Protein backbone atom coordinates (compact mmCIF):
# COMPACT_ATOMS: atom_id res chain seq x y z
CA MET A 1 -0.02 0.01 0.00
CA ALA A 2 1.29 3.50 -0.93
CA SER A 3 2.27 5.72 1.93
CA PRO A 4 0.20 8.94 2.64
CA GLU A 5 3.22 10.85 1.36
CA ARG A 6 3.17 9.09 -2.01
CA ARG A 7 -0.69 9.37 -2.28
CA SER A 8 -0.33 13.15 -1.68
CA ARG A 9 2.18 13.42 -4.40
CA ARG A 10 0.02 11.33 -6.80
CA GLY A 11 -2.80 13.76 -6.09
CA LEU A 12 -0.96 16.65 -7.68
CA PRO A 13 -2.09 17.64 -11.22
CA SER A 14 0.27 17.47 -14.20
CA VAL A 15 1.83 20.51 -15.75
CA ASP A 16 -0.19 20.05 -18.87
CA ALA A 17 -3.42 19.76 -16.95
CA LEU A 18 -2.86 23.06 -15.30
CA LEU A 19 -1.79 24.77 -18.61
CA ARG A 20 -4.95 23.38 -20.29
CA SER A 21 -7.26 24.83 -17.56
CA GLY A 22 -9.07 28.05 -18.16
CA PRO A 23 -6.79 30.14 -15.93
CA GLY A 24 -3.79 28.43 -17.54
CA ARG A 25 -4.88 29.30 -21.05
CA LYS A 26 -5.71 32.89 -20.03
CA ALA A 27 -2.32 33.37 -18.25
CA SER A 28 -0.51 31.88 -21.23
CA ALA A 29 -2.12 34.43 -23.53
CA GLU A 30 -1.15 37.29 -21.16
CA PHE A 31 2.33 36.32 -20.00
CA GLY A 32 3.49 33.75 -22.63
CA ARG A 33 3.10 29.98 -22.43
CA SER A 34 6.80 29.34 -21.75
CA VAL A 35 6.77 31.75 -18.74
CA VAL A 36 3.60 30.18 -17.24
CA LYS A 37 4.87 26.66 -17.90
CA GLN A 38 8.02 27.36 -15.87
CA ALA A 39 5.94 28.95 -13.09
CA VAL A 40 3.66 25.92 -12.94
CA ARG A 41 6.68 23.63 -12.73
CA ASP A 42 8.16 25.67 -9.89
CA VAL A 43 4.88 25.65 -7.95
CA LEU A 44 4.37 21.90 -8.40
CA ALA A 45 7.98 21.29 -7.34
CA GLY A 46 7.18 23.23 -4.17
CA ALA A 47 4.03 21.25 -3.60
CA ARG A 48 5.95 17.93 -3.97
CA ALA A 49 8.53 19.05 -1.55
CA ALA A 50 5.76 20.01 0.99
CA ALA A 51 4.10 16.64 0.40
CA GLY A 52 7.39 15.00 1.28
CA ARG A 53 7.18 16.72 4.67
CA GLY A 54 3.65 15.41 5.15
CA ARG A 55 1.62 18.47 3.99
CA ASP A 56 -1.44 17.89 1.85
CA PRO A 57 -1.24 19.72 -1.51
CA ASP A 58 -3.47 22.65 -2.30
CA PRO A 59 -6.30 22.09 -4.79
CA PRO A 60 -5.45 22.67 -8.48
CA ASP A 61 -7.10 26.10 -8.59
CA LEU A 62 -4.94 27.38 -5.78
CA LEU A 63 -1.85 25.88 -7.34
CA MET A 64 -2.72 27.56 -10.63
CA ALA A 65 -3.35 30.89 -8.84
CA ALA A 66 0.09 30.67 -7.25
CA ALA A 67 1.66 30.01 -10.65
CA VAL A 68 -0.14 32.90 -12.28
CA GLU A 69 1.18 35.23 -9.49
CA ARG A 70 4.62 33.94 -10.07
CA ALA A 71 4.40 34.43 -13.85
CA ALA A 72 3.06 38.00 -13.30
CA ARG A 73 6.05 38.85 -11.15
CA ALA A 74 8.44 37.51 -13.76
CA SER A 75 6.66 39.44 -16.62
CA PHE A 76 6.13 42.86 -15.26
CA GLY A 77 9.76 43.65 -14.42
CA LEU A 78 10.81 46.42 -12.04
CA THR A 79 7.99 47.95 -9.95
CA PRO A 80 8.10 51.65 -8.99
CA VAL A 81 8.00 52.04 -5.19
CA ILE A 82 7.46 54.70 -2.59
CA ASN A 83 10.52 54.75 -0.36
CA ALA A 84 9.38 55.67 3.17
CA THR A 85 12.35 53.95 4.85
CA GLY A 86 14.29 57.15 5.40
CA VAL A 87 17.30 55.60 3.64
CA ILE A 88 18.14 58.06 0.81
CA LEU A 89 20.54 55.90 -1.29
CA HIS A 90 18.70 52.63 -0.70
CA THR A 91 20.69 49.98 -2.59
CA GLY A 92 17.73 47.61 -2.71
CA LEU A 93 15.52 50.30 -4.20
CA GLY A 94 17.95 51.47 -6.85
CA ARG A 95 20.06 54.09 -5.02
CA ALA A 96 19.91 57.60 -6.48
CA PRO A 97 16.62 58.63 -8.04
CA LEU A 98 17.30 60.47 -11.32
CA PRO A 99 16.25 64.11 -11.96
CA ALA A 100 13.76 64.78 -14.62
CA SER A 101 16.37 66.01 -17.11
CA ALA A 102 18.26 62.76 -16.84
CA LEU A 103 15.05 60.70 -17.29
CA ARG A 104 14.20 62.69 -20.48
CA ALA A 105 17.81 62.25 -21.80
CA ALA A 106 17.75 58.49 -21.22
CA VAL A 107 14.38 58.12 -22.94
CA HIS A 108 15.45 60.13 -25.94
CA ALA A 109 18.59 58.05 -26.27
CA ALA A 110 16.59 54.85 -26.04
CA GLU A 111 13.65 55.55 -28.33
CA GLY A 112 15.75 55.88 -31.47
CA TYR A 113 19.27 56.19 -32.79
CA ALA A 114 21.78 58.50 -31.12
CA ASP A 115 25.29 59.70 -31.80
CA LEU A 116 26.71 57.32 -29.20
CA GLU A 117 29.96 56.43 -30.91
CA VAL A 118 30.24 58.62 -33.94
CA ASP A 119 31.83 62.14 -34.39
CA ARG A 120 29.15 64.18 -36.14
CA GLU A 121 31.70 66.52 -37.63
CA THR A 122 33.94 63.90 -39.29
CA GLY A 123 31.45 61.03 -39.58
CA ARG A 124 34.04 58.78 -38.03
CA ARG A 125 33.81 56.57 -35.02
CA GLY A 126 34.12 58.44 -31.73
CA THR A 127 34.07 57.63 -28.03
CA ARG A 128 30.75 56.96 -26.28
CA THR A 129 31.64 58.65 -23.02
CA SER A 130 33.65 61.62 -24.49
CA ARG A 131 31.01 64.26 -23.59
CA ALA A 132 30.61 62.97 -19.98
CA GLU A 133 34.36 62.80 -19.57
CA GLY A 134 34.72 66.33 -20.79
CA LEU A 135 32.26 67.48 -18.18
CA LEU A 136 34.05 65.58 -15.44
CA THR A 137 37.40 67.06 -16.27
CA ALA A 138 35.90 70.55 -16.42
CA LEU A 139 34.22 69.97 -13.00
CA THR A 140 37.26 68.49 -11.22
CA GLY A 141 40.32 69.86 -13.00
CA ALA A 142 41.57 66.29 -13.74
CA ASP A 143 43.70 65.81 -16.81
CA ALA A 144 41.46 62.95 -17.97
CA ALA A 145 38.43 60.85 -17.12
CA PHE A 146 37.01 57.39 -18.05
CA VAL A 147 33.55 56.06 -17.28
CA VAL A 148 32.66 52.40 -16.85
CA ASN A 149 29.57 50.66 -15.54
CA ASN A 150 30.11 50.75 -11.84
CA ASN A 151 32.82 51.68 -9.25
CA ALA A 152 33.79 48.06 -8.55
CA GLY A 153 34.44 47.72 -12.28
CA ALA A 154 36.53 50.92 -12.25
CA LEU A 155 38.62 49.56 -9.36
CA VAL A 156 39.10 46.16 -11.04
CA LEU A 157 40.13 47.90 -14.27
CA LEU A 158 42.49 50.22 -12.40
CA LEU A 159 44.29 47.33 -10.63
CA ALA A 160 44.48 45.18 -13.81
CA ALA A 161 45.78 47.98 -15.98
CA LEU A 162 48.24 49.53 -13.53
CA ALA A 163 49.32 46.74 -11.17
CA ARG A 164 48.86 43.31 -12.65
CA ARG A 165 51.40 40.87 -11.12
CA ARG A 166 52.64 43.73 -8.93
CA ASP A 167 52.16 44.49 -5.23
CA VAL A 168 49.48 46.93 -4.16
CA LEU A 169 49.90 48.50 -0.75
CA VAL A 170 46.68 48.96 1.22
CA SER A 171 46.01 49.75 4.88
CA ARG A 172 44.52 46.86 6.83
CA GLY A 173 41.88 49.33 8.13
CA GLU A 174 40.65 49.85 4.51
CA LEU A 175 40.13 46.23 3.36
CA ILE A 176 36.44 46.99 2.80
CA GLU A 177 33.57 44.66 1.93
CA ILE A 178 30.94 46.19 -0.29
CA GLY A 179 27.41 44.92 -0.94
CA GLY A 180 26.86 41.25 -1.83
CA GLU A 181 30.00 40.07 0.08
CA PHE A 182 32.35 41.46 -2.53
CA ARG A 183 35.62 42.12 -0.68
CA LEU A 184 38.61 44.23 -1.67
CA PRO A 185 41.03 41.24 -1.40
CA ASP A 186 38.84 39.21 -3.70
CA ILE A 187 38.63 42.14 -6.20
CA MET A 188 42.40 42.45 -5.98
CA ALA A 189 42.99 38.76 -6.69
CA ALA A 190 40.54 38.87 -9.67
CA SER A 191 42.50 41.73 -11.19
CA GLY A 192 45.83 39.89 -11.02
CA ALA A 193 47.35 42.35 -8.57
CA ARG A 194 48.96 41.16 -5.31
CA LEU A 195 47.62 42.57 -2.06
CA VAL A 196 50.08 43.76 0.55
CA GLU A 197 48.49 44.68 3.84
CA VAL A 198 49.96 47.66 5.66
CA GLY A 199 49.75 48.73 9.33
CA THR A 200 46.97 47.49 11.58
CA THR A 201 43.15 47.62 11.52
CA ASN A 202 42.87 50.71 13.61
CA ARG A 203 46.21 52.45 13.09
CA THR A 204 48.25 52.75 9.89
CA ARG A 205 50.92 55.45 9.60
CA THR A 206 52.73 56.84 6.58
CA ALA A 207 55.92 55.15 7.83
CA ASP A 208 54.22 51.79 7.50
CA PHE A 209 53.84 52.31 3.81
CA ARG A 210 57.43 53.38 3.47
CA THR A 211 58.51 50.18 5.20
CA ALA A 212 56.27 48.09 2.92
CA LEU A 213 57.75 49.40 -0.34
CA SER A 214 59.81 47.02 -2.46
CA GLU A 215 60.92 46.54 -5.99
CA ARG A 216 57.65 44.55 -6.57
CA THR A 217 55.45 47.53 -5.56
CA GLY A 218 53.25 48.62 -8.43
CA LEU A 219 50.66 50.85 -6.77
CA VAL A 220 49.78 52.56 -3.50
CA LEU A 221 46.07 52.43 -2.88
CA LYS A 222 43.94 54.38 -0.40
CA VAL A 223 40.30 53.25 0.07
CA HIS A 224 37.76 55.48 1.69
CA PRO A 225 35.73 53.36 4.11
CA SER A 226 32.45 54.81 2.85
CA ASN A 227 30.18 52.19 4.44
CA TYR A 228 31.71 52.02 7.90
CA ARG A 229 33.69 54.12 10.37
CA VAL A 230 36.61 53.22 12.53
CA VAL A 231 36.53 55.24 15.77
CA GLY A 232 38.60 55.42 19.00
CA PHE A 233 42.34 54.87 19.01
CA THR A 234 42.84 55.36 15.36
CA ASP A 235 45.27 56.73 12.81
CA ALA A 236 45.28 56.79 8.96
CA ALA A 237 47.88 57.98 6.55
CA PRO A 238 46.77 61.21 4.84
CA ALA A 239 46.40 61.14 1.06
CA ALA A 240 49.04 63.86 0.56
CA ASP A 241 51.60 61.78 2.50
CA LEU A 242 50.72 58.64 0.48
CA ALA A 243 51.09 60.62 -2.80
CA SER A 244 54.64 61.63 -1.72
CA VAL A 245 55.50 58.05 -0.79
CA ALA A 246 54.29 56.78 -4.13
CA ARG A 247 56.03 59.60 -6.10
CA ARG A 248 59.34 58.78 -4.49
CA ALA A 249 58.92 55.14 -5.28
CA GLY A 250 58.07 55.94 -8.84
CA VAL A 251 54.61 54.19 -8.69
CA PRO A 252 51.05 55.63 -9.01
CA PHE A 253 48.91 56.61 -6.04
CA ALA A 254 45.21 55.78 -6.42
CA TYR A 255 42.38 56.86 -4.16
CA ASP A 256 39.07 55.03 -4.26
CA LEU A 257 36.49 57.41 -2.90
CA GLY A 258 33.47 55.14 -3.41
CA SER A 259 30.58 57.49 -2.49
CA GLY A 260 31.34 60.14 -5.17
CA LEU A 261 31.38 63.55 -3.54
CA VAL A 262 32.79 65.84 -6.31
CA HIS A 263 33.14 69.08 -4.45
CA ARG A 264 33.01 69.94 -0.75
CA SER A 265 29.36 70.62 -0.12
CA GLY A 266 26.91 71.51 2.67
CA GLY A 267 24.80 68.67 4.05
CA VAL A 268 27.72 66.21 4.32
CA PRO A 269 30.27 65.65 7.12
CA ALA A 270 33.54 67.61 6.94
CA ASP A 271 35.60 64.41 6.87
CA GLU A 272 33.90 63.08 3.74
CA PRO A 273 36.61 63.24 0.91
CA ALA A 274 35.76 65.00 -2.30
CA ALA A 275 37.25 64.20 -5.73
CA VAL A 276 38.71 67.66 -6.17
CA ASP A 277 40.44 67.42 -2.75
CA ALA A 278 41.82 64.00 -3.46
CA LEU A 279 43.31 65.21 -6.78
CA ALA A 280 44.69 68.33 -5.09
CA ALA A 281 46.38 66.09 -2.44
CA GLY A 282 48.29 64.35 -5.24
CA ALA A 283 46.22 61.28 -6.22
CA ASP A 284 47.19 60.08 -9.61
CA VAL A 285 43.84 58.32 -10.14
CA VAL A 286 40.62 58.82 -8.23
CA THR A 287 37.60 56.47 -8.55
CA PHE A 288 33.99 56.71 -7.36
CA SER A 289 30.34 55.75 -8.06
CA GLY A 290 27.87 57.65 -10.21
CA ASP A 291 24.73 56.61 -8.38
CA LYS A 292 25.56 57.75 -4.92
CA LEU A 293 26.34 61.37 -3.90
CA LEU A 294 26.86 62.37 -7.57
CA GLY A 295 23.06 61.68 -7.94
CA GLY A 296 23.27 59.98 -11.33
CA PRO A 297 22.86 56.52 -12.85
CA GLN A 298 25.00 53.50 -12.01
CA ALA A 299 28.52 54.24 -13.31
CA GLY A 300 32.11 53.92 -12.21
CA ILE A 301 34.23 57.07 -12.72
CA ALA A 302 37.99 57.30 -12.91
CA LEU A 303 39.76 60.67 -12.93
CA GLY A 304 43.47 61.57 -13.03
CA ARG A 305 46.66 61.65 -14.97
CA ALA A 306 46.15 61.38 -18.74
CA ASP A 307 48.71 58.66 -19.27
CA LEU A 308 47.21 56.45 -16.51
CA ILE A 309 43.66 56.99 -17.67
CA ALA A 310 44.76 56.05 -21.24
CA ARG A 311 46.10 52.77 -19.93
CA LEU A 312 42.69 52.09 -18.38
CA ARG A 313 40.94 52.94 -21.67
CA ARG A 314 43.20 50.65 -23.70
CA HIS A 315 42.88 47.64 -21.31
CA PRO A 316 40.86 44.67 -22.77
CA LEU A 317 38.55 44.80 -19.72
CA ALA A 318 37.44 48.30 -20.60
CA ARG A 319 35.12 47.02 -23.35
CA ALA A 320 33.51 44.56 -21.07
CA LEU A 321 32.81 47.30 -18.44
CA ARG A 322 31.47 49.95 -20.78
CA VAL A 323 28.22 51.84 -20.12
CA ASP A 324 25.25 51.78 -22.49
CA LYS A 325 23.58 54.71 -24.24
CA MET A 326 20.94 55.27 -21.59
CA GLN A 327 23.51 55.38 -18.80
CA VAL A 328 25.60 57.82 -20.88
CA ALA A 329 22.69 60.14 -21.55
CA ALA A 330 21.53 60.20 -17.96
CA LEU A 331 25.06 60.76 -16.70
CA GLU A 332 25.61 63.66 -19.07
CA ALA A 333 22.37 65.36 -17.91
CA VAL A 334 23.36 64.98 -14.27
CA LEU A 335 26.87 66.30 -14.81
CA HIS A 336 25.30 69.28 -16.64
CA LEU A 337 23.33 70.06 -13.49
CA HIS A 338 26.47 70.06 -11.46
CA ALA A 339 28.36 72.19 -13.99
CA THR A 340 25.55 74.81 -14.00
CA GLY A 341 25.24 74.98 -10.18
CA ARG A 342 21.79 73.33 -10.20
CA GLN A 343 22.56 70.59 -7.58
CA GLU A 344 19.22 71.19 -5.93
CA GLU A 345 17.47 69.63 -8.95
CA LEU A 346 19.08 66.33 -8.00
CA PRO A 347 16.62 64.30 -5.81
CA VAL A 348 19.45 62.96 -3.60
CA TRP A 349 20.57 66.48 -2.69
CA ARG A 350 17.00 67.71 -2.18
CA MET A 351 16.50 64.88 0.33
CA LEU A 352 19.79 65.37 2.06
CA ARG A 353 19.17 69.08 2.55
CA ALA A 354 15.38 69.16 3.17
CA PRO A 355 14.77 71.13 6.39
CA ALA A 356 13.40 68.93 9.20
CA ALA A 357 10.76 71.61 9.96
CA ALA A 358 9.34 71.17 6.44
CA ILE A 359 9.16 67.44 6.80
CA LYS A 360 7.47 67.74 10.14
CA ARG A 361 4.67 69.92 8.58
CA ARG A 362 4.07 67.22 5.98
CA ALA A 363 4.15 64.54 8.53
CA ARG A 364 1.42 66.26 10.59
CA ALA A 365 -0.80 66.46 7.55
CA VAL A 366 -0.28 62.76 6.68
CA ALA A 367 -0.68 61.69 10.21
CA ALA A 368 -4.01 63.41 10.43
CA GLU A 369 -5.25 61.48 7.47
CA LEU A 370 -4.15 58.19 8.94
CA ASP A 371 -4.89 58.66 12.64
CA GLY A 372 -1.21 58.31 13.19
CA ARG A 373 1.45 59.95 15.29
CA VAL A 374 4.24 62.26 14.33
CA VAL A 375 7.63 61.02 15.65
CA ARG A 376 11.16 62.24 15.53
CA VAL A 377 13.45 59.87 13.66
CA GLU A 378 16.85 59.78 11.99
CA SER A 379 17.29 59.34 8.29
CA ALA A 380 20.40 57.77 6.74
CA PRO A 381 22.31 58.61 3.51
CA GLY A 382 22.64 54.84 2.81
CA GLY A 383 24.17 53.16 -0.25
CA GLY A 384 27.62 52.93 1.32
CA SER A 385 27.86 56.66 1.79
CA LEU A 386 28.52 58.95 4.82
CA PRO A 387 28.78 56.13 7.42
CA GLY A 388 27.54 57.07 10.86
CA HIS A 389 25.97 60.31 9.50
CA ALA A 390 22.36 60.63 10.80
CA ILE A 391 19.93 63.30 9.51
CA ALA A 392 17.21 64.57 11.82
CA SER A 393 13.80 63.82 10.30
CA TRP A 394 10.10 63.23 11.08
CA ALA A 395 8.00 60.18 10.42
CA VAL A 396 4.38 59.13 10.59
CA ALA A 397 3.88 56.25 13.06
CA VAL A 398 0.93 53.94 12.55
CA ASP A 399 0.19 51.61 15.46
CA THR A 400 -1.28 48.20 14.51
CA PRO A 401 -1.48 44.81 16.13
CA LYS A 402 0.44 43.19 13.30
CA PRO A 403 3.03 45.72 12.07
CA GLU A 404 5.04 43.21 10.06
CA ALA A 405 1.81 42.10 8.26
CA LEU A 406 0.95 45.71 7.41
CA ALA A 407 4.51 46.31 6.11
CA SER A 408 4.32 43.15 4.03
CA THR A 409 0.94 44.13 2.48
CA LEU A 410 2.30 47.54 1.59
CA ARG A 411 5.29 45.90 -0.17
CA THR A 412 3.06 43.73 -2.31
CA GLU A 413 0.23 46.09 -3.31
CA ARG A 414 0.09 48.90 -5.77
CA PRO A 415 1.39 51.54 -5.15
CA THR A 416 4.19 49.62 -3.47
CA ILE A 417 5.54 51.18 -0.26
CA PHE A 418 8.56 50.28 1.72
CA ALA A 419 8.49 51.42 5.31
CA ARG A 420 10.27 50.68 8.60
CA VAL A 421 8.94 48.54 11.51
CA ASP A 422 10.35 49.64 14.88
CA ASP A 423 9.08 48.48 18.32
CA GLY A 424 5.66 47.32 17.09
CA THR A 425 5.07 50.44 14.96
CA VAL A 426 5.13 51.00 11.22
CA LEU A 427 7.10 54.20 10.46
CA PHE A 428 6.92 56.32 7.27
CA ASP A 429 9.90 58.66 7.11
CA LEU A 430 8.84 61.40 4.78
CA ARG A 431 12.34 62.60 4.07
CA THR A 432 12.63 60.03 1.30
CA VAL A 433 9.02 60.48 0.01
CA PRO A 434 8.58 63.26 -2.59
CA PRO A 435 5.77 65.62 -1.52
CA GLU A 436 3.78 64.72 -4.64
CA GLN A 437 3.64 61.09 -3.33
CA ASP A 438 2.06 61.98 0.00
CA ASP A 439 -1.51 61.45 -1.23
CA ASP A 440 -0.65 58.15 -2.82
CA LEU A 441 0.95 56.98 0.47
CA VAL A 442 -2.18 57.92 2.43
CA ARG A 443 -4.51 56.03 0.08
CA ALA A 444 -2.30 52.92 0.07
CA VAL A 445 -2.04 52.76 3.87
CA ARG A 446 -5.77 53.42 4.36
CA TYR A 447 -6.50 50.53 1.92
CA ALA A 448 -4.02 48.13 3.64
CA LEU A 449 -5.63 48.98 7.00
CA GLU A 450 -9.18 48.17 5.96
CA PRO A 451 -10.54 44.90 7.33
CA SER A 452 -10.47 42.12 4.81
């Protein structure tokens, strides 16, 4: 006699039976038969696994409903969300929102042909990032610039082009790990460069770098710990001193800034390094992200000496790391805003600098609509930028017996809202919610709170 477990598995419908059902045919017409077929297979695999643990399978209509939901998620792509977490550069939600001019530029580039890699005057092949690089050199005073698809790519390219099979000196206190468990030592190994750790975790002096120099040294690297902060009994070698050490040794000095502050600016801590300051201190190459404090699309930017940037541009990895036309167009538009002194048009900088009093007024209005409370909170720059820097803000607190359930519902409905859950309360920090989205937030939360 078959065991209950085997009988449960035998009770499951076949893939074809579900696809031939009315909901299956309708879903196949809407999402594509191959997409729905894969979703059905995944749902049935989960049901078989559950049966193996002694759970009776759901009826066919519920299994098909689960498959349709899975197919819909696979078909509709990215979903716009309202970010009420208070984390400005939220990596999970796409980091820097783009300004309207960058959105228009990306759409114009995508909807037809564009002069991406052609010189209109000569008709010959050009360089896809030449206009963005011209703006970057004008903004920073660097001799040359090169743009790739993200900052990790820029760093790998830098190491591969300038220090392959050579030693790279890095402070032990700067052996960072970025998102997704990517660590600097692993990036170093992938590039073909050899890591030489200098000093200690909390204290690394300029003299430590001088001691570590050898005939095998190919590069001195300083890495800004943009996603953590070492405090207490600490010491770090200044950029200007490392530039001097590298110059005397006849090797380049590179400074990975990470978070991408171009100029010293209000709204950020005084110890956050800017690209122009790093270059002025003697860095031969500076690298940083485009989608953090720059306020643009994902990109990796390298600035510095023309001969070194040329070596990056000629390296075989450069083509594998290049940006597409939509990234180029958006980056050009963002850099134009910086060049014309219109930084306030960048959503990131509007959020960083928004007065707490103005956010409190909005929070009072939203709280009145939701029978909520106005509470003082701290927003965060996020995205591996400005570690430890908290920004005073105000949030709407909604008390509910099941805060996690409310937060989950808001994440899965339309409009989609991401909020914070703290001490049994759902918090909506309005610093990261554009004012024009306040009404949408209110309607969504009201709907989610209605009894089912």
